Every structure is written in C-alpha cells, then in structure tokens.
Amino acid sequence: MDIAPFFITGLIIGSIYGLTTLGLSLIFGVLRVANVAHGSFIMIGAYMAFFAFTLWGWPPLATAAVAAAVGMGLGYLVYLVAIKPLKKAGELHTLVALFALGAALAEVARLLWGPDFVGYTWRLGSISLWGLEVEIGKLMGAFVALATAVALDLWLQRTFFGRAVRAVVQDPLGAQLVGVRVESVYAITAALGIGITTMGGVLLTLFIPVGINPYMGGPYTLIGFVVAVMGGLGSVMGAYVAGLVFGVIESVGYYLFSLAGFAEPSQMALFSAFVALLLLLLFRPTGLFRL
C-alpha cells in the first residue's frame, strides 16, 4: 500500500491538532499558565457540534463560529475566577484550580448528557487526493483550521494588540510602564485561547463520528501539551506546524507499525510521536518556533 494516503490523512487531522493547540500555547506563552482544563473545553465544543447538528441541523462550520464566541465568554470567566485571583499565589495554585475546573466540567457533562459515547456524521461527499478518498467536510475543517491559524498569527504580528502581547511576554512591568493595560491583555488572551480551543473541539468531531463523551478531553490535553512543546510554547504558527508534524507521525506511524504486524499499531504510533518530541527537545529545547 502507498504511504502517500497516510501522509495526507496525517496533514488533515494534524491541522485540527494544531488548531486545538493554538489556544493552549497562546495562554501559556502570555499568561505563563498551563491550562490543564484544555481538554474539557474541547469536549464542550464537541457537544455543541453534536447537539447543534442533531437538534437543529446546523453544519459544524457554522457551529464552530458560535462555539468560538461561547468559548471566549467562558475563557473570560475562567480568567476572572480561576486565573487572576490565584496568579500571584503561584503556579501550583492556578494549576490545581484549572485541574479541578476541568474535572468539574467533565462531571457536569456526565450528569447532563450521560456517560455514553455519541456522535454524528456530516456527509458532503468526497474527493480523491493521490488515491485517497477524502471527505469534503474534513477537508473544509482543515482549511478553516489553517485560515484561523494564519489570521491569528497576522493579528498578533501586525496589530497594536499583538505588539502589546509581545511586550507583556517580554516584560510585563515594562509594558505597564509604557501604558499597556496588562490585565486586559491577560483577559483577552485567556478568552481568545479558550475560544479557539472550543472551536477546535467542534472541528474535531468531523474525525470522531462516535467519540464524543464527557471524559474525551484527557487524551487531547496530553496531545495538546506535546504539540505545544514541540512547536514552542507561546508560538501560534509553531503550534499549528507542530500539529501537522504530530498528525503525520501518528498516521504514517500507524501505517508502518501495521506493516510490521504490531497488535496495537495506533498505540505504537502515538508512542512514536512522543519519541519524536523527545528527540526534538534534545536538539532544539525551545521547540520549532517562538512567540
């Protein structure tokens, strides 16, 4: 079997990995906070996609825009309740608060919607790419992820807010002395980061037709941190490119381990992605990019 289809599959799912990691990387790069509740916001986006499609027939791309807005509102609340009051107390306090928040969101989802796996299928047909039949919906999701990453990177590089963000990253006190409202930058960054994460959760459902459940966030939190570190914590395009790399390693690894006769090729493929991260950090500890 040709390896090209697995490479293409890896790029497509990797685009979604990159998108879901943008928010995580941005929040850490600016606020210096590890959002361990990351996966729970992916879960919220996934449930929004499921209910919007099954109850009202909304296409996932439309739901993604709504989820981004809802996620930004949630992100602002998270900043006010769990990050801002505890930031001066130390990183451990914030980490514990976010961990508790993530666990609480998962339990609330279980109480509201039950523990069972649910999903949906959005059929728009498919096109052939180098011998691989790719669903148009998945391809559209990947393009939305790419467009979001490029737009966010341009916004951060070429706007006043982007310059303010970089100033805060380099020296919060110095930025405040020259008139930058540091707390506003923190709040907007938290809102934006979680909004993008929730949006990514919607697009992820295009690839997991029956994988939505209250506890789905755990593995994606782990993947998110791996991709964020690989790309360089705080770097938008670094997170996106690292997502592509992770997706390709996972997909091609699955193909190679299947050929080798491994009983659990998917687990071995994930393991190979973690090994790739370790090798990268040995030669480039800062990751691929910087903010």
Protein backbone atom coordinates (compact mmCIF):
# COMPACT_ATOMS: atom_id res chain seq x y z
CA MET A 1 0.00 0.00 0.00
CA ASP A 2 1.22 3.52 -0.86
CA ILE A 3 2.29 5.67 2.10
CA ALA A 4 1.00 8.90 0.48
CA PRO A 5 -2.63 8.49 1.67
CA PHE A 6 -1.44 8.18 5.27
CA PHE A 7 0.70 11.29 4.85
CA ILE A 8 -2.33 13.23 3.58
CA THR A 9 -4.51 11.89 6.38
CA GLY A 10 -1.86 12.99 8.87
CA LEU A 11 -1.79 16.52 7.47
CA ILE A 12 -5.58 16.82 7.63
CA ILE A 13 -6.01 15.58 11.22
CA GLY A 14 -2.78 17.38 12.15
CA SER A 15 -4.36 20.64 11.07
CA ILE A 16 -7.06 20.09 13.69
CA TYR A 17 -4.46 19.13 16.31
CA GLY A 18 -2.68 22.37 15.51
CA LEU A 19 -5.84 24.43 15.86
CA THR A 20 -6.83 22.93 19.20
CA THR A 21 -3.30 23.62 20.48
CA LEU A 22 -3.22 27.29 19.43
CA GLY A 23 -5.18 28.41 22.46
CA LEU A 24 -3.19 26.28 24.88
CA SER A 25 0.11 27.59 23.56
CA LEU A 26 -1.06 31.20 23.46
CA ILE A 27 -2.31 31.15 27.07
CA PHE A 28 0.92 29.65 28.33
CA GLY A 29 3.07 31.99 26.28
CA VAL A 30 1.36 35.14 27.55
CA LEU A 31 -0.02 34.28 31.00
CA ARG A 32 2.55 31.60 31.90
CA VAL A 33 -0.34 29.36 32.91
CA ALA A 34 -0.63 25.70 31.90
CA ASN A 35 -4.30 25.21 31.07
CA VAL A 36 -4.75 21.62 32.23
CA ALA A 37 -8.51 22.05 31.70
CA HIS A 38 -7.77 22.31 27.97
CA GLY A 39 -9.41 19.01 27.05
CA SER A 40 -12.64 19.89 28.82
CA PHE A 41 -13.14 22.89 26.54
CA ILE A 42 -12.55 20.65 23.54
CA MET A 43 -15.26 18.41 25.00
CA ILE A 44 -17.66 21.36 25.32
CA GLY A 45 -17.08 22.27 21.68
CA ALA A 46 -17.67 18.66 20.64
CA TYR A 47 -21.01 18.50 22.46
CA MET A 48 -22.04 21.83 20.94
CA ALA A 49 -21.39 20.38 17.48
CA PHE A 50 -23.35 17.23 18.30
CA PHE A 51 -26.44 18.95 19.66
CA ALA A 52 -26.43 21.73 17.05
CA PHE A 53 -26.34 19.14 14.26
CA THR A 54 -28.77 16.57 15.69
CA LEU A 55 -31.33 19.03 17.09
CA TRP A 56 -31.23 21.89 14.58
CA GLY A 57 -29.30 20.56 11.61
CA TRP A 58 -26.54 23.15 11.90
CA PRO A 59 -23.42 22.33 9.88
CA PRO A 60 -20.28 22.05 12.03
CA LEU A 61 -18.61 25.03 10.37
CA ALA A 62 -21.46 27.29 11.47
CA THR A 63 -21.36 25.80 14.96
CA ALA A 64 -17.60 26.45 15.08
CA ALA A 65 -18.19 30.20 14.89
CA VAL A 66 -20.78 30.06 17.68
CA ALA A 67 -18.52 27.83 19.77
CA ALA A 68 -15.66 30.31 19.40
CA ALA A 69 -17.88 33.09 20.78
CA VAL A 70 -19.17 30.92 23.64
CA GLY A 71 -15.65 29.75 24.40
CA MET A 72 -14.38 33.32 24.57
CA GLY A 73 -17.05 34.11 27.14
CA LEU A 74 -16.07 31.04 29.15
CA GLY A 75 -12.40 31.96 28.83
CA TYR A 76 -13.03 35.41 30.24
CA LEU A 77 -14.89 33.88 33.20
CA VAL A 78 -12.10 31.37 33.75
CA TYR A 79 -9.60 34.20 33.86
CA LEU A 80 -11.66 36.17 36.38
CA VAL A 81 -12.45 33.18 38.62
CA ALA A 82 -9.55 30.73 38.36
CA ILE A 83 -6.51 32.58 36.99
CA LYS A 84 -6.46 36.22 38.07
CA PRO A 85 -7.17 35.64 41.81
CA LEU A 86 -4.55 32.89 42.05
CA LYS A 87 -1.83 34.13 39.71
CA LYS A 88 0.08 35.91 42.47
CA ALA A 89 -0.26 32.91 44.77
CA GLY A 90 1.92 30.83 42.47
CA GLU A 91 1.74 28.49 39.50
CA LEU A 92 0.79 25.46 41.61
CA HIS A 93 -2.39 27.10 42.92
CA THR A 94 -3.51 28.04 39.41
CA LEU A 95 -2.65 24.57 38.13
CA VAL A 96 -4.75 22.90 40.83
CA ALA A 97 -7.66 25.28 40.22
CA LEU A 98 -7.66 24.57 36.48
CA PHE A 99 -7.36 20.83 37.07
CA ALA A 100 -10.37 20.99 39.40
CA LEU A 101 -12.26 23.05 36.83
CA GLY A 102 -11.57 20.52 34.09
CA ALA A 103 -12.72 17.63 36.27
CA ALA A 104 -15.84 19.54 37.30
CA LEU A 105 -16.77 20.30 33.69
CA ALA A 106 -16.43 16.63 32.80
CA GLU A 107 -18.67 15.58 35.69
CA VAL A 108 -21.28 18.22 34.84
CA ALA A 109 -21.30 16.94 31.25
CA ARG A 110 -21.79 13.38 32.52
CA LEU A 111 -24.72 14.43 34.71
CA LEU A 112 -26.35 16.40 31.91
CA TRP A 113 -25.76 14.11 28.93
CA GLY A 114 -24.75 10.75 30.37
CA PRO A 115 -21.50 8.77 30.08
CA ASP A 116 -22.23 7.12 26.72
CA PHE A 117 -20.35 7.84 23.51
CA VAL A 118 -22.32 9.86 20.97
CA GLY A 119 -21.60 11.33 17.56
CA TYR A 120 -22.93 12.35 14.18
CA THR A 121 -21.92 12.20 10.52
CA TRP A 122 -21.87 15.23 8.23
CA ARG A 123 -21.87 13.95 4.67
CA LEU A 124 -20.86 16.23 1.81
CA GLY A 125 -19.32 13.63 -0.44
CA SER A 126 -15.62 13.10 -1.04
CA ILE A 127 -12.82 13.90 -3.47
CA SER A 128 -9.77 11.88 -4.48
CA LEU A 129 -6.32 13.11 -3.45
CA TRP A 130 -3.41 10.94 -4.59
CA GLY A 131 -5.50 7.81 -4.37
CA LEU A 132 -7.15 8.70 -1.07
CA GLU A 133 -10.87 9.43 -0.83
CA VAL A 134 -11.08 12.44 1.48
CA GLU A 135 -14.39 13.61 2.89
CA ILE A 136 -15.11 17.18 1.84
CA GLY A 137 -16.26 18.06 5.36
CA LYS A 138 -12.90 17.02 6.82
CA LEU A 139 -11.04 18.96 4.16
CA MET A 140 -13.13 22.06 4.87
CA GLY A 141 -12.40 21.68 8.58
CA ALA A 142 -8.68 21.53 7.86
CA PHE A 143 -8.87 24.69 5.73
CA VAL A 144 -10.77 26.51 8.48
CA ALA A 145 -8.05 25.47 10.94
CA LEU A 146 -5.33 26.78 8.61
CA ALA A 147 -7.17 30.05 7.98
CA THR A 148 -7.68 30.57 11.73
CA ALA A 149 -4.00 29.97 12.47
CA VAL A 150 -2.85 32.37 9.74
CA ALA A 151 -5.36 35.05 10.75
CA LEU A 152 -4.39 34.81 14.43
CA ASP A 153 -0.69 34.97 13.62
CA LEU A 154 -1.16 38.04 11.40
CA TRP A 155 -3.29 39.69 14.07
CA LEU A 156 -0.60 39.15 16.67
CA GLN A 157 2.20 40.31 14.36
CA ARG A 158 0.63 43.36 12.73
CA THR A 159 -1.79 44.97 15.16
CA PHE A 160 -1.41 47.16 18.22
CA PHE A 161 -2.81 44.39 20.40
CA GLY A 162 -0.25 41.96 19.00
CA ARG A 163 2.56 44.36 19.85
CA ALA A 164 1.08 44.75 23.34
CA VAL A 165 1.04 40.97 23.74
CA ARG A 166 4.69 40.66 22.77
CA ALA A 167 5.59 43.50 25.14
CA VAL A 168 3.79 41.75 28.01
CA VAL A 169 5.54 38.46 27.20
CA GLN A 170 8.96 40.12 27.28
CA ASP A 171 8.45 42.36 30.34
CA PRO A 172 5.01 42.79 31.99
CA LEU A 173 6.18 45.58 34.29
CA GLY A 174 7.91 47.46 31.49
CA ALA A 175 4.82 47.10 29.29
CA GLN A 176 2.67 48.53 32.07
CA LEU A 177 5.01 51.49 32.49
CA VAL A 178 4.62 52.44 28.82
CA GLY A 179 0.83 52.32 29.01
CA VAL A 180 -0.09 48.74 28.14
CA ARG A 181 -3.07 47.51 30.16
CA VAL A 182 -1.53 44.21 31.19
CA GLU A 183 -4.64 42.80 32.88
CA SER A 184 -6.67 43.49 29.74
CA VAL A 185 -4.08 41.68 27.64
CA TYR A 186 -4.25 38.72 30.01
CA ALA A 187 -8.06 38.63 29.96
CA ILE A 188 -8.33 38.91 26.18
CA THR A 189 -5.65 36.26 25.70
CA ALA A 190 -7.45 33.83 28.02
CA ALA A 191 -10.75 34.47 26.25
CA LEU A 192 -9.20 34.09 22.82
CA GLY A 193 -7.26 30.97 23.75
CA ILE A 194 -10.23 29.10 25.16
CA GLY A 195 -12.47 30.35 22.34
CA ILE A 196 -10.13 28.81 19.76
CA THR A 197 -9.93 25.60 21.80
CA THR A 198 -13.72 25.27 21.90
CA MET A 199 -13.88 25.95 18.17
CA GLY A 200 -11.29 23.23 17.63
CA GLY A 201 -13.47 20.82 19.59
CA VAL A 202 -16.25 21.37 17.05
CA LEU A 203 -13.99 20.65 14.09
CA LEU A 204 -12.52 17.61 15.82
CA THR A 205 -15.93 15.92 15.73
CA LEU A 206 -15.57 15.62 11.95
CA PHE A 207 -12.91 12.99 12.65
CA ILE A 208 -14.51 11.12 15.59
CA PRO A 209 -18.04 10.18 14.46
CA VAL A 210 -18.78 8.25 17.68
CA GLY A 211 -16.09 9.58 20.01
CA ILE A 212 -17.89 12.33 21.94
CA ASN A 213 -18.19 11.71 25.69
CA PRO A 214 -17.65 13.65 28.94
CA TYR A 215 -14.16 12.24 29.50
CA MET A 216 -12.80 12.62 25.98
CA GLY A 217 -10.69 15.63 26.98
CA GLY A 218 -7.91 13.76 28.80
CA PRO A 219 -6.05 12.37 25.76
CA TYR A 220 -6.44 15.66 23.90
CA THR A 221 -4.96 17.58 26.82
CA LEU A 222 -1.91 15.32 26.63
CA ILE A 223 -1.67 15.68 22.85
CA GLY A 224 -2.11 19.43 23.19
CA PHE A 225 0.83 19.80 25.56
CA VAL A 226 3.02 17.56 23.39
CA VAL A 227 2.20 19.60 20.28
CA ALA A 228 2.60 22.92 22.15
CA VAL A 229 6.05 21.97 23.45
CA MET A 230 7.04 20.64 20.04
CA GLY A 231 6.04 23.90 18.36
CA GLY A 232 7.49 26.17 21.03
CA LEU A 233 5.28 27.29 23.90
CA GLY A 234 3.67 30.59 23.04
CA SER A 235 4.12 30.37 19.27
CA VAL A 236 0.93 30.38 17.21
CA MET A 237 2.36 29.11 13.93
CA GLY A 238 4.68 26.85 15.87
CA ALA A 239 1.67 25.13 17.43
CA TYR A 240 -0.02 24.76 14.06
CA VAL A 241 3.07 23.40 12.27
CA ALA A 242 3.78 21.04 15.17
CA GLY A 243 0.20 19.81 14.92
CA LEU A 244 0.82 18.92 11.28
CA VAL A 245 4.04 17.13 12.21
CA PHE A 246 2.34 15.24 15.03
CA GLY A 247 -0.53 14.20 12.76
CA VAL A 248 1.82 12.92 10.06
CA ILE A 249 3.96 10.99 12.55
CA GLU A 250 0.84 9.44 14.08
CA SER A 251 -0.72 8.49 10.74
CA VAL A 252 2.43 7.27 8.99
CA GLY A 253 3.48 5.51 12.18
CA TYR A 254 0.17 3.64 12.21
CA TYR A 255 0.85 2.51 8.63
CA LEU A 256 4.40 1.35 9.38
CA PHE A 257 3.53 -0.43 12.61
CA SER A 258 0.61 -2.16 10.87
CA LEU A 259 3.01 -3.43 8.20
CA ALA A 260 5.34 -4.65 10.93
CA GLY A 261 2.50 -6.69 12.44
CA PHE A 262 2.13 -4.91 15.79
CA ALA A 263 -1.09 -5.81 17.62
CA GLU A 264 -1.78 -2.18 18.65
CA PRO A 265 -0.44 -0.01 15.81
CA SER A 266 -2.39 3.06 16.95
CA GLN A 267 -0.77 2.97 20.39
CA MET A 268 2.67 2.43 18.90
CA ALA A 269 2.08 5.34 16.51
CA LEU A 270 1.26 7.61 19.44
CA PHE A 271 4.37 6.35 21.22
CA SER A 272 6.48 7.20 18.17
CA ALA A 273 5.13 10.76 18.24
CA PHE A 274 6.25 11.12 21.86
CA VAL A 275 9.69 9.76 20.96
CA ALA A 276 9.91 12.33 18.17
CA LEU A 277 9.18 15.06 20.73
CA LEU A 278 12.00 13.84 22.98
CA LEU A 279 14.43 13.81 20.06
CA LEU A 280 13.37 17.32 19.05
CA LEU A 281 13.88 18.64 22.57
CA LEU A 282 17.36 17.15 22.69
CA PHE A 283 18.44 19.20 19.68
CA ARG A 284 16.10 22.20 20.00
CA PRO A 285 14.85 22.62 23.59
CA THR A 286 12.80 25.74 22.74
CA GLY A 287 10.72 23.89 20.14
CA LEU A 288 10.28 24.81 16.48
CA PHE A 289 9.25 28.45 16.92
CA ARG A 290 8.86 31.23 19.47
CA LEU A 291 6.10 33.83 20.04
